[in-house]
Every structure is written in structure tokens, then in C-alpha cells.
């Protein structure tokens, strides 16, 4: 049996190199466990450090969205008011009065009137060409 113990490094009393190997494995496992725990702590610290900047970025984005939506709502209200004013004008004036008003606007703003007429003509021509 001594021959077996010497060749296989095994001793029933636990004094051979087999016991030493087991002790080294336990020590290595403990070191690995500590390293994993340290990596976990470092990862948590990095994540924790990014919470404040991430929250600030989200807050800034929310503020920008609120501002843009307020601007869009304001523009929509202005457009709705203009449409309502135009509807009231059409309802309250006959064609002759509207033609007189258009003539006075054209005399007051000739360049802008030509640009509007050109754009309107282009759009009408395009719509007629598409319907063919």
C-alpha cells in the first residue's frame, strides 16, 4: 500500500500531496470568488456613476420636448385662429368686396403678390397634370 501512496500521491491521513492539491484548489476558488466579487463591485460603481448623467440627459430631453410641444401647440393655435378669421371673412363678405380687397393688397404688396400668384399657378398646373 505504501507503494500505491507514493506513486499516486495519496495518503489516507491527509498528509500527502493530494490534500495539498485540495487546499490549493480551495484557495484558488476563494481567490476567484474574491475577484468575481471585486469585478461585480467595480461594475456596480461604474453603473452608479452613470446614473446622474443619464438622469440629467433624460431630464434635458424631456424639457426640450415640452418646449417643442409648447411651440407646436402655439403654432397650431395661431393657424387655427387664422383659419377661423378667414372663415369669418368669407362668411361676412361677398365676392365683389373680396375682389376689391385683393386688389388693394396687390397694389400695396406687388412683389409678394406676384410670388404668391406664381406659386399658386404652379400648384394648380401640377394638380391638373396629375389628374390626367
N, C-alpha and C. Protein backbone atom coordinates (compact mmCIF):
# COMPACT_ATOMS: atom_id res chain seq x y z
N UNK A 1 0.82 -1.19 0.00
CA UNK A 1 0.00 0.00 0.00
C UNK A 1 0.86 1.25 0.00
N UNK A 2 2.03 1.19 0.63
CA UNK A 2 2.92 2.34 0.64
C UNK A 2 3.37 2.68 -0.77
N UNK A 3 3.59 1.65 -1.54
CA UNK A 3 3.96 1.85 -2.94
C UNK A 3 2.86 2.61 -3.67
N UNK A 4 1.60 2.25 -3.41
CA UNK A 4 0.45 2.92 -4.04
C UNK A 4 0.39 4.38 -3.61
N UNK A 5 0.61 4.65 -2.33
CA UNK A 5 0.55 6.02 -1.81
C UNK A 5 1.65 6.88 -2.39
N UNK A 6 2.83 6.33 -2.54
CA UNK A 6 3.93 7.09 -3.09
C UNK A 6 3.73 7.37 -4.56
N UNK A 7 3.20 6.44 -5.31
CA UNK A 7 3.04 6.61 -6.75
C UNK A 7 1.87 7.53 -7.09
N UNK A 8 0.83 7.52 -6.29
CA UNK A 8 -0.36 8.29 -6.61
C UNK A 8 -0.52 9.53 -5.75
N UNK A 9 0.44 9.84 -4.92
CA UNK A 9 0.40 11.00 -4.03
C UNK A 9 -0.88 11.05 -3.23
N UNK A 10 -1.27 9.91 -2.68
CA UNK A 10 -2.50 9.86 -1.88
C UNK A 10 -2.16 9.27 -0.54
N UNK A 11 -2.68 9.87 0.48
CA UNK A 11 -2.45 9.34 1.82
C UNK A 11 -3.75 9.39 2.58
N UNK A 12 -4.17 8.31 3.20
CA UNK A 12 -5.43 8.32 3.93
C UNK A 12 -5.40 9.28 5.10
N UNK A 13 -4.26 9.63 5.61
CA UNK A 13 -4.19 10.54 6.74
C UNK A 13 -4.35 12.00 6.30
N UNK A 14 -4.31 12.31 5.01
CA UNK A 14 -4.48 13.68 4.52
C UNK A 14 -3.19 14.46 4.55
N UNK A 15 -2.06 13.79 4.64
CA UNK A 15 -0.79 14.49 4.72
C UNK A 15 -0.05 14.48 3.40
N UNK A 16 -0.59 13.80 2.39
CA UNK A 16 0.09 13.70 1.11
C UNK A 16 -0.15 14.93 0.27
N UNK A 17 0.34 14.87 -0.95
CA UNK A 17 0.17 16.00 -1.86
C UNK A 17 -1.26 16.12 -2.35
N UNK A 18 -2.07 15.08 -2.26
CA UNK A 18 -3.49 15.16 -2.63
C UNK A 18 -4.21 16.16 -1.76
N UNK A 19 -3.89 16.14 -0.46
CA UNK A 19 -4.50 17.10 0.45
C UNK A 19 -4.01 18.51 0.14
N UNK A 20 -2.74 18.59 -0.23
CA UNK A 20 -2.20 19.90 -0.61
C UNK A 20 -2.85 20.43 -1.86
N UNK A 21 -3.12 19.53 -2.81
CA UNK A 21 -3.80 19.94 -4.04
C UNK A 21 -5.20 20.43 -3.73
N UNK A 22 -5.90 19.74 -2.85
CA UNK A 22 -7.25 20.15 -2.46
C UNK A 22 -7.21 21.51 -1.77
N UNK A 23 -6.21 21.73 -0.95
CA UNK A 23 -6.08 23.02 -0.25
C UNK A 23 -5.81 24.14 -1.25
N UNK A 24 -4.94 23.84 -2.23
CA UNK A 24 -4.64 24.85 -3.25
C UNK A 24 -5.88 25.15 -4.09
N UNK A 25 -6.66 24.11 -4.39
CA UNK A 25 -7.89 24.31 -5.17
C UNK A 25 -8.88 25.17 -4.39
N UNK A 26 -8.97 24.93 -3.07
CA UNK A 26 -9.86 25.74 -2.24
C UNK A 26 -9.38 27.19 -2.20
N UNK A 27 -8.08 27.35 -2.10
CA UNK A 27 -7.50 28.69 -2.07
C UNK A 27 -7.74 29.41 -3.40
N UNK A 28 -7.54 28.69 -4.51
CA UNK A 28 -7.77 29.26 -5.84
C UNK A 28 -9.24 29.62 -6.01
N UNK A 29 -10.13 28.75 -5.53
CA UNK A 29 -11.56 29.03 -5.62
C UNK A 29 -11.92 30.27 -4.80
N UNK A 30 -11.33 30.40 -3.63
CA UNK A 30 -11.59 31.57 -2.78
C UNK A 30 -11.09 32.85 -3.46
N UNK A 31 -9.89 32.76 -4.08
CA UNK A 31 -9.35 33.92 -4.81
C UNK A 31 -10.25 34.28 -5.99
N UNK A 32 -10.69 33.27 -6.73
CA UNK A 32 -11.58 33.53 -7.87
C UNK A 32 -12.88 34.16 -7.40
N UNK A 33 -13.40 33.67 -6.29
CA UNK A 33 -14.64 34.22 -5.73
C UNK A 33 -14.43 35.68 -5.36
N UNK A 34 -13.30 36.00 -4.76
CA UNK A 34 -13.00 37.38 -4.37
C UNK A 34 -12.83 38.27 -5.61
N UNK A 35 -12.18 37.76 -6.65
CA UNK A 35 -12.02 38.53 -7.89
C UNK A 35 -13.37 38.82 -8.54
N UNK A 36 -14.22 37.81 -8.59
CA UNK A 36 -15.56 38.00 -9.17
C UNK A 36 -16.33 39.04 -8.36
N UNK A 37 -16.23 38.96 -7.05
CA UNK A 37 -16.91 39.93 -6.19
C UNK A 37 -16.36 41.34 -6.45
N UNK A 38 -15.03 41.46 -6.61
CA UNK A 38 -14.42 42.77 -6.88
C UNK A 38 -14.86 43.30 -8.25
N UNK A 39 -14.89 42.46 -9.27
CA UNK A 39 -15.38 42.88 -10.58
C UNK A 39 -16.83 43.34 -10.48
N UNK A 40 -17.62 42.61 -9.71
CA UNK A 40 -19.01 43.00 -9.51
C UNK A 40 -19.12 44.36 -8.84
N UNK A 41 -18.29 44.60 -7.81
CA UNK A 41 -18.31 45.91 -7.14
C UNK A 41 -17.89 47.02 -8.09
N UNK A 42 -16.86 46.76 -8.89
CA UNK A 42 -16.41 47.78 -9.86
C UNK A 42 -17.50 48.08 -10.88
N UNK A 43 -18.15 47.04 -11.39
CA UNK A 43 -19.23 47.24 -12.36
C UNK A 43 -20.36 48.04 -11.74
N UNK A 44 -20.71 47.73 -10.51
CA UNK A 44 -21.78 48.47 -9.84
C UNK A 44 -21.38 49.92 -9.63
N UNK A 45 -20.12 50.17 -9.29
CA UNK A 45 -19.64 51.54 -9.11
C UNK A 45 -19.71 52.31 -10.42
N UNK A 46 -19.31 51.67 -11.53
CA UNK A 46 -19.38 52.33 -12.83
C UNK A 46 -20.81 52.64 -13.22
N UNK A 47 -21.69 51.69 -13.01
CA UNK A 47 -23.11 51.91 -13.32
C UNK A 47 -23.67 53.02 -12.45
N UNK A 48 -23.32 53.00 -11.17
CA UNK A 48 -23.80 54.01 -10.23
C UNK A 48 -23.30 55.39 -10.64
N UNK A 49 -22.07 55.48 -11.13
CA UNK A 49 -21.51 56.76 -11.54
C UNK A 49 -22.23 57.31 -12.78
N UNK A 50 -22.82 56.46 -13.58
CA UNK A 50 -23.51 56.89 -14.80
C UNK A 50 -24.97 57.25 -14.56
N UNK A 51 -25.49 56.97 -13.38
CA UNK A 51 -26.90 57.26 -13.12
C UNK A 51 -27.21 58.75 -13.22
N UNK A 52 -26.40 59.58 -12.58
CA UNK A 52 -26.66 61.02 -12.57
C UNK A 52 -26.58 61.62 -13.97
N UNK A 53 -25.52 61.35 -14.75
CA UNK A 53 -25.51 61.90 -16.11
C UNK A 53 -26.67 61.39 -16.97
N UNK A 54 -27.04 60.12 -16.80
CA UNK A 54 -28.15 59.58 -17.58
C UNK A 54 -29.46 60.26 -17.19
N UNK A 55 -29.66 60.46 -15.91
CA UNK A 55 -30.87 61.14 -15.45
C UNK A 55 -30.90 62.58 -15.96
N UNK A 56 -29.77 63.26 -15.98
CA UNK A 56 -29.72 64.64 -16.49
C UNK A 56 -30.04 64.68 -17.97
N UNK A 57 -29.49 63.74 -18.73
CA UNK A 57 -29.77 63.69 -20.17
C UNK A 57 -31.25 63.46 -20.42
N UNK A 58 -31.87 62.56 -19.65
CA UNK A 58 -33.30 62.32 -19.81
C UNK A 58 -34.11 63.56 -19.43
N UNK A 59 -33.71 64.22 -18.38
CA UNK A 59 -34.41 65.43 -17.95
C UNK A 59 -34.29 66.54 -19.01
N UNK A 60 -33.10 66.71 -19.56
CA UNK A 60 -32.89 67.71 -20.61
C UNK A 60 -33.75 67.40 -21.84
N UNK A 61 -33.82 66.13 -22.20
CA UNK A 61 -34.64 65.73 -23.35
C UNK A 61 -36.12 66.00 -23.09
N UNK A 62 -36.57 65.69 -21.88
CA UNK A 62 -37.97 65.94 -21.53
C UNK A 62 -38.28 67.43 -21.59
N UNK A 63 -37.37 68.27 -21.10
CA UNK A 63 -37.57 69.71 -21.14
C UNK A 63 -37.64 70.21 -22.59
N UNK A 64 -36.75 69.70 -23.42
CA UNK A 64 -36.75 70.10 -24.83
C UNK A 64 -38.05 69.69 -25.51
N UNK A 65 -38.52 68.48 -25.19
CA UNK A 65 -39.79 68.03 -25.78
C UNK A 65 -40.95 68.90 -25.33
N UNK A 66 -40.97 69.26 -24.06
CA UNK A 66 -42.02 70.14 -23.57
C UNK A 66 -41.98 71.49 -24.29
N UNK A 67 -40.77 72.01 -24.44
CA UNK A 67 -40.62 73.30 -25.11
C UNK A 67 -41.09 73.22 -26.56
N UNK A 68 -40.67 72.16 -27.25
CA UNK A 68 -41.07 72.00 -28.66
C UNK A 68 -42.58 71.79 -28.77
N UNK A 69 -43.14 71.01 -27.87
CA UNK A 69 -44.58 70.78 -27.95
C UNK A 69 -45.35 72.05 -27.64
N UNK A 70 -44.81 72.87 -26.72
CA UNK A 70 -45.45 74.16 -26.45
C UNK A 70 -45.39 75.05 -27.69
N UNK A 71 -44.26 75.05 -28.38
CA UNK A 71 -44.13 75.84 -29.60
C UNK A 71 -45.06 75.32 -30.68
N UNK A 72 -45.13 73.99 -30.82
CA UNK A 72 -46.01 73.40 -31.83
C UNK A 72 -47.47 73.70 -31.51
N UNK A 73 -47.82 73.59 -30.24
CA UNK A 73 -49.20 73.90 -29.84
C UNK A 73 -49.51 75.36 -30.11
N UNK A 74 -48.56 76.23 -29.83
CA UNK A 74 -48.76 77.66 -30.09
C UNK A 74 -48.94 77.92 -31.58
N UNK A 75 -48.12 77.28 -32.41
CA UNK A 75 -48.25 77.45 -33.86
C UNK A 75 -49.58 76.89 -34.35
N UNK A 76 -50.02 75.76 -33.79
CA UNK A 76 -51.30 75.18 -34.19
C UNK A 76 -52.45 76.11 -33.79
N UNK A 77 -52.35 76.72 -32.62
CA UNK A 77 -53.39 77.66 -32.20
C UNK A 77 -53.43 78.89 -33.10
N UNK A 78 -52.24 79.39 -33.48
CA UNK A 78 -52.19 80.55 -34.39
C UNK A 78 -52.81 80.18 -35.74
N UNK A 79 -52.48 79.00 -36.25
CA UNK A 79 -53.04 78.56 -37.53
C UNK A 79 -54.55 78.41 -37.44
N UNK A 80 -55.02 77.84 -36.34
CA UNK A 80 -56.47 77.68 -36.16
C UNK A 80 -57.16 79.04 -36.07
N UNK A 81 -56.54 79.98 -35.38
CA UNK A 81 -57.11 81.33 -35.29
C UNK A 81 -57.17 81.99 -36.67
N UNK A 82 -56.10 81.81 -37.46
CA UNK A 82 -56.09 82.39 -38.82
C UNK A 82 -57.18 81.76 -39.68
N UNK A 83 -57.35 80.45 -39.59
CA UNK A 83 -58.41 79.79 -40.36
C UNK A 83 -59.79 80.27 -39.94
N UNK A 84 -59.98 80.45 -38.65
CA UNK A 84 -61.26 80.95 -38.15
C UNK A 84 -61.52 82.38 -38.66
N UNK A 85 -60.48 83.21 -38.64
CA UNK A 85 -60.61 84.58 -39.13
C UNK A 85 -60.95 84.58 -40.62
N UNK A 86 -60.28 83.71 -41.39
CA UNK A 86 -60.56 83.61 -42.82
C UNK A 86 -61.99 83.13 -43.06
N UNK A 87 -62.44 82.16 -42.31
CA UNK A 87 -63.82 81.67 -42.44
C UNK A 87 -64.82 82.78 -42.14
N UNK A 88 -64.55 83.55 -41.10
CA UNK A 88 -65.44 84.67 -40.77
C UNK A 88 -65.45 85.70 -41.90
N UNK A 89 -64.29 86.00 -42.49
CA UNK A 89 -64.19 86.96 -43.58
C UNK A 89 -65.01 86.49 -44.78
N UNK A 90 -64.85 85.20 -45.14
CA UNK A 90 -65.59 84.66 -46.29
C UNK A 90 -67.08 84.67 -46.02
N UNK A 91 -67.47 84.36 -44.82
CA UNK A 91 -68.88 84.32 -44.46
C UNK A 91 -69.50 85.72 -44.49
N UNK A 92 -68.76 86.75 -44.10
CA UNK A 92 -69.30 88.10 -43.95
C UNK A 92 -69.18 88.97 -45.20
N UNK A 93 -68.38 88.57 -46.21
CA UNK A 93 -68.15 89.42 -47.39
C UNK A 93 -68.59 88.70 -48.66
N UNK A 94 -69.11 89.51 -49.58
CA UNK A 94 -69.48 88.94 -50.88
C UNK A 94 -68.29 88.97 -51.82
N UNK A 95 -68.43 88.37 -52.99
CA UNK A 95 -67.33 88.23 -53.95
C UNK A 95 -66.79 89.59 -54.39
N UNK A 96 -67.67 90.54 -54.62
CA UNK A 96 -67.24 91.87 -55.08
C UNK A 96 -66.34 92.52 -54.04
N UNK A 97 -66.71 92.45 -52.76
CA UNK A 97 -65.89 93.04 -51.70
C UNK A 97 -64.54 92.34 -51.61
N UNK A 98 -64.54 91.02 -51.76
CA UNK A 98 -63.28 90.28 -51.71
C UNK A 98 -62.35 90.68 -52.85
N UNK A 99 -62.89 90.85 -54.05
CA UNK A 99 -62.06 91.28 -55.18
C UNK A 99 -61.46 92.66 -54.95
N UNK A 100 -62.22 93.56 -54.38
CA UNK A 100 -61.70 94.90 -54.07
C UNK A 100 -60.57 94.78 -53.04
N UNK A 101 -60.78 93.95 -52.03
CA UNK A 101 -59.74 93.76 -51.01
C UNK A 101 -58.48 93.14 -51.60
N UNK A 102 -58.63 92.14 -52.47
CA UNK A 102 -57.47 91.53 -53.12
C UNK A 102 -56.73 92.57 -53.96
N UNK A 103 -57.46 93.40 -54.68
CA UNK A 103 -56.83 94.45 -55.50
C UNK A 103 -56.03 95.41 -54.64
N UNK A 104 -56.55 95.78 -53.50
CA UNK A 104 -55.81 96.71 -52.64
C UNK A 104 -54.55 96.05 -52.05
N UNK A 105 -54.63 94.77 -51.75
CA UNK A 105 -53.46 94.06 -51.24
C UNK A 105 -52.39 93.96 -52.33
N UNK A 106 -52.81 93.68 -53.58
CA UNK A 106 -51.86 93.57 -54.69
C UNK A 106 -51.17 94.91 -54.93
N UNK A 107 -51.93 96.01 -54.86
CA UNK A 107 -51.31 97.33 -55.05
C UNK A 107 -50.34 97.66 -53.91
N UNK A 108 -50.67 97.23 -52.70
CA UNK A 108 -49.82 97.52 -51.56
C UNK A 108 -48.55 96.65 -51.55
N UNK A 109 -48.65 95.40 -51.98
CA UNK A 109 -47.53 94.44 -51.95
C UNK A 109 -47.39 93.77 -53.32
N UNK A 110 -46.91 94.49 -54.34
CA UNK A 110 -46.88 93.91 -55.68
C UNK A 110 -45.91 92.72 -55.83
N UNK A 111 -44.72 92.80 -55.28
CA UNK A 111 -43.74 91.72 -55.44
C UNK A 111 -44.23 90.44 -54.76
N UNK A 112 -44.68 90.57 -53.53
CA UNK A 112 -45.17 89.41 -52.80
C UNK A 112 -46.39 88.81 -53.51
N UNK A 113 -47.22 89.67 -54.08
CA UNK A 113 -48.42 89.19 -54.79
C UNK A 113 -48.03 88.38 -56.02
N UNK A 114 -47.00 88.83 -56.75
CA UNK A 114 -46.53 88.07 -57.92
C UNK A 114 -45.97 86.71 -57.50
N UNK A 115 -45.24 86.67 -56.40
CA UNK A 115 -44.68 85.40 -55.92
C UNK A 115 -45.82 84.46 -55.55
N UNK A 116 -46.81 84.95 -54.82
CA UNK A 116 -47.94 84.11 -54.42
C UNK A 116 -48.69 83.63 -55.66
N UNK A 117 -48.89 84.51 -56.63
CA UNK A 117 -49.60 84.12 -57.85
C UNK A 117 -48.81 83.04 -58.61
N UNK A 118 -47.49 83.19 -58.67
CA UNK A 118 -46.65 82.19 -59.34
C UNK A 118 -46.73 80.84 -58.66
N UNK A 119 -46.64 80.82 -57.34
CA UNK A 119 -46.71 79.57 -56.59
C UNK A 119 -48.08 78.93 -56.78
N UNK A 120 -49.14 79.75 -56.68
CA UNK A 120 -50.50 79.23 -56.85
C UNK A 120 -50.67 78.64 -58.25
N UNK A 121 -50.17 79.34 -59.27
CA UNK A 121 -50.26 78.84 -60.63
C UNK A 121 -49.52 77.52 -60.81
N UNK A 122 -48.34 77.43 -60.23
CA UNK A 122 -47.56 76.20 -60.30
C UNK A 122 -48.32 75.04 -59.66
N UNK A 123 -48.87 75.26 -58.47
CA UNK A 123 -49.61 74.21 -57.76
C UNK A 123 -50.86 73.78 -58.53
N UNK A 124 -51.56 74.75 -59.11
CA UNK A 124 -52.76 74.41 -59.88
C UNK A 124 -52.37 73.60 -61.12
N UNK A 125 -51.29 74.00 -61.81
CA UNK A 125 -50.84 73.28 -63.00
C UNK A 125 -50.43 71.85 -62.64
N UNK A 126 -49.74 71.68 -61.54
CA UNK A 126 -49.33 70.34 -61.11
C UNK A 126 -50.53 69.47 -60.78
N UNK A 127 -51.48 70.04 -60.10
CA UNK A 127 -52.66 69.24 -59.74
C UNK A 127 -53.46 68.85 -60.99
N UNK A 128 -53.52 69.73 -61.97
CA UNK A 128 -54.22 69.40 -63.22
C UNK A 128 -53.47 68.32 -64.01
N UNK A 129 -52.14 68.39 -64.00
CA UNK A 129 -51.34 67.43 -64.73
C UNK A 129 -51.45 66.05 -64.07
N UNK A 130 -51.52 65.97 -62.76
CA UNK A 130 -51.65 64.70 -62.06
C UNK A 130 -53.00 64.05 -62.31
N UNK A 131 -54.02 64.85 -62.47
CA UNK A 131 -55.35 64.28 -62.67
C UNK A 131 -55.52 63.69 -64.08
N UNK A 132 -54.59 63.97 -64.99
CA UNK A 132 -54.69 63.43 -66.36
C UNK A 132 -54.36 61.98 -66.42
